[in-house]
């Protein structure tokens, strides 16, 4: 679900998921700070997904 939401975001594309399913490889246009981008994805998408699936 997270990979799909990332891909739907303009300028991003989920490329692959690691064998242990703990990492998503993302191609993104214009990311000046990688750590900040990861934090943004976690804050905005992961929380919403967890709320939907885990109440």
C-alpha atoms as a PDB file:
ATOM      1  CA  UNK A   1       0.000   0.000   0.000  1.00  0.00           C
ATOM      2  CA  UNK A   2       2.814   2.412   0.882  1.00  0.00           C
ATOM      3  CA  UNK A   3       4.620   1.759  -2.404  1.00  0.00           C
ATOM      4  CA  UNK A   4       1.421   2.513  -4.311  1.00  0.00           C
ATOM      5  CA  UNK A   5       0.845   5.767  -2.432  1.00  0.00           C
ATOM      6  CA  UNK A   6       4.440   6.858  -3.093  1.00  0.00           C
ATOM      7  CA  UNK A   7       4.034   6.127  -6.805  1.00  0.00           C
ATOM      8  CA  UNK A   8       0.827   8.179  -6.934  1.00  0.00           C
ATOM      9  CA  UNK A   9       2.729  11.201  -5.605  1.00  0.00           C
ATOM     10  CA  UNK A  10       3.884  13.418  -8.498  1.00  0.00           C
ATOM     11  CA  UNK A  11       7.623  13.150  -9.138  1.00  0.00           C
ATOM     12  CA  UNK A  12       8.085   9.820  -7.338  1.00  0.00           C
ATOM     13  CA  UNK A  13       8.115   6.194  -8.410  1.00  0.00           C
ATOM     14  CA  UNK A  14       8.484   3.083  -6.257  1.00  0.00           C
ATOM     15  CA  UNK A  15      11.083   0.979  -8.057  1.00  0.00           C
ATOM     16  CA  UNK A  16      11.538  -2.120  -5.901  1.00  0.00           C
ATOM     17  CA  UNK A  17      10.945  -3.619  -2.464  1.00  0.00           C
ATOM     18  CA  UNK A  18      13.760  -5.342  -0.576  1.00  0.00           C
ATOM     19  CA  UNK A  19      13.698  -9.116  -0.102  1.00  0.00           C
ATOM     20  CA  UNK A  20      12.889  -8.700   3.608  1.00  0.00           C
ATOM     21  CA  UNK A  21      10.064  -6.238   2.781  1.00  0.00           C
ATOM     22  CA  UNK A  22      11.586  -3.589   5.080  1.00  0.00           C
ATOM     23  CA  UNK A  23      12.722  -1.106   2.423  1.00  0.00           C
ATOM     24  CA  UNK A  24      11.161   0.490  -0.624  1.00  0.00           C
ATOM     25  CA  UNK A  25      13.490   1.813  -3.303  1.00  0.00           C
ATOM     26  CA  UNK A  26      12.131   5.099  -4.640  1.00  0.00           C
ATOM     27  CA  UNK A  27      13.124   7.240  -7.602  1.00  0.00           C
ATOM     28  CA  UNK A  28      12.236  10.847  -6.876  1.00  0.00           C
ATOM     29  CA  UNK A  29      12.792  14.115  -8.705  1.00  0.00           C
ATOM     30  CA  UNK A  30      14.502  16.956  -6.828  1.00  0.00           C
ATOM     31  CA  UNK A  31      15.151  15.728  -3.297  1.00  0.00           C
ATOM     32  CA  UNK A  32      17.606  18.128  -1.641  1.00  0.00           C
ATOM     33  CA  UNK A  33      17.569  16.229   1.685  1.00  0.00           C
ATOM     34  CA  UNK A  34      17.043  12.472   1.590  1.00  0.00           C
ATOM     35  CA  UNK A  35      16.549  12.021   5.342  1.00  0.00           C
ATOM     36  CA  UNK A  36      13.940  14.789   5.391  1.00  0.00           C
ATOM     37  CA  UNK A  37      12.077  13.171   2.497  1.00  0.00           C
ATOM     38  CA  UNK A  38      12.045   9.799   4.272  1.00  0.00           C
ATOM     39  CA  UNK A  39      10.702  11.457   7.421  1.00  0.00           C
ATOM     40  CA  UNK A  40       7.978  13.207   5.401  1.00  0.00           C
ATOM     41  CA  UNK A  41       6.870   9.938   3.792  1.00  0.00           C
ATOM     42  CA  UNK A  42       6.789   8.206   7.167  1.00  0.00           C
ATOM     43  CA  UNK A  43       4.838  11.003   8.805  1.00  0.00           C
ATOM     44  CA  UNK A  44       2.255  11.516   6.091  1.00  0.00           C
ATOM     45  CA  UNK A  45       1.742   8.064   4.561  1.00  0.00           C
ATOM     46  CA  UNK A  46       2.785   5.392   7.041  1.00  0.00           C
ATOM     47  CA  UNK A  47       0.691   6.867   9.842  1.00  0.00           C
ATOM     48  CA  UNK A  48      -2.422   7.059   7.654  1.00  0.00           C
ATOM     49  CA  UNK A  49      -1.970   3.482   6.433  1.00  0.00           C
ATOM     50  CA  UNK A  50      -1.450   2.151   9.963  1.00  0.00           C
ATOM     51  CA  UNK A  51      -4.559   3.975  11.153  1.00  0.00           C
ATOM     52  CA  UNK A  52      -6.684   2.469   8.387  1.00  0.00           C
ATOM     53  CA  UNK A  53      -5.444  -1.097   8.821  1.00  0.00           C
ATOM     54  CA  UNK A  54      -4.936  -1.174  12.591  1.00  0.00           C
ATOM     55  CA  UNK A  55      -7.620   1.259  13.746  1.00  0.00           C
END
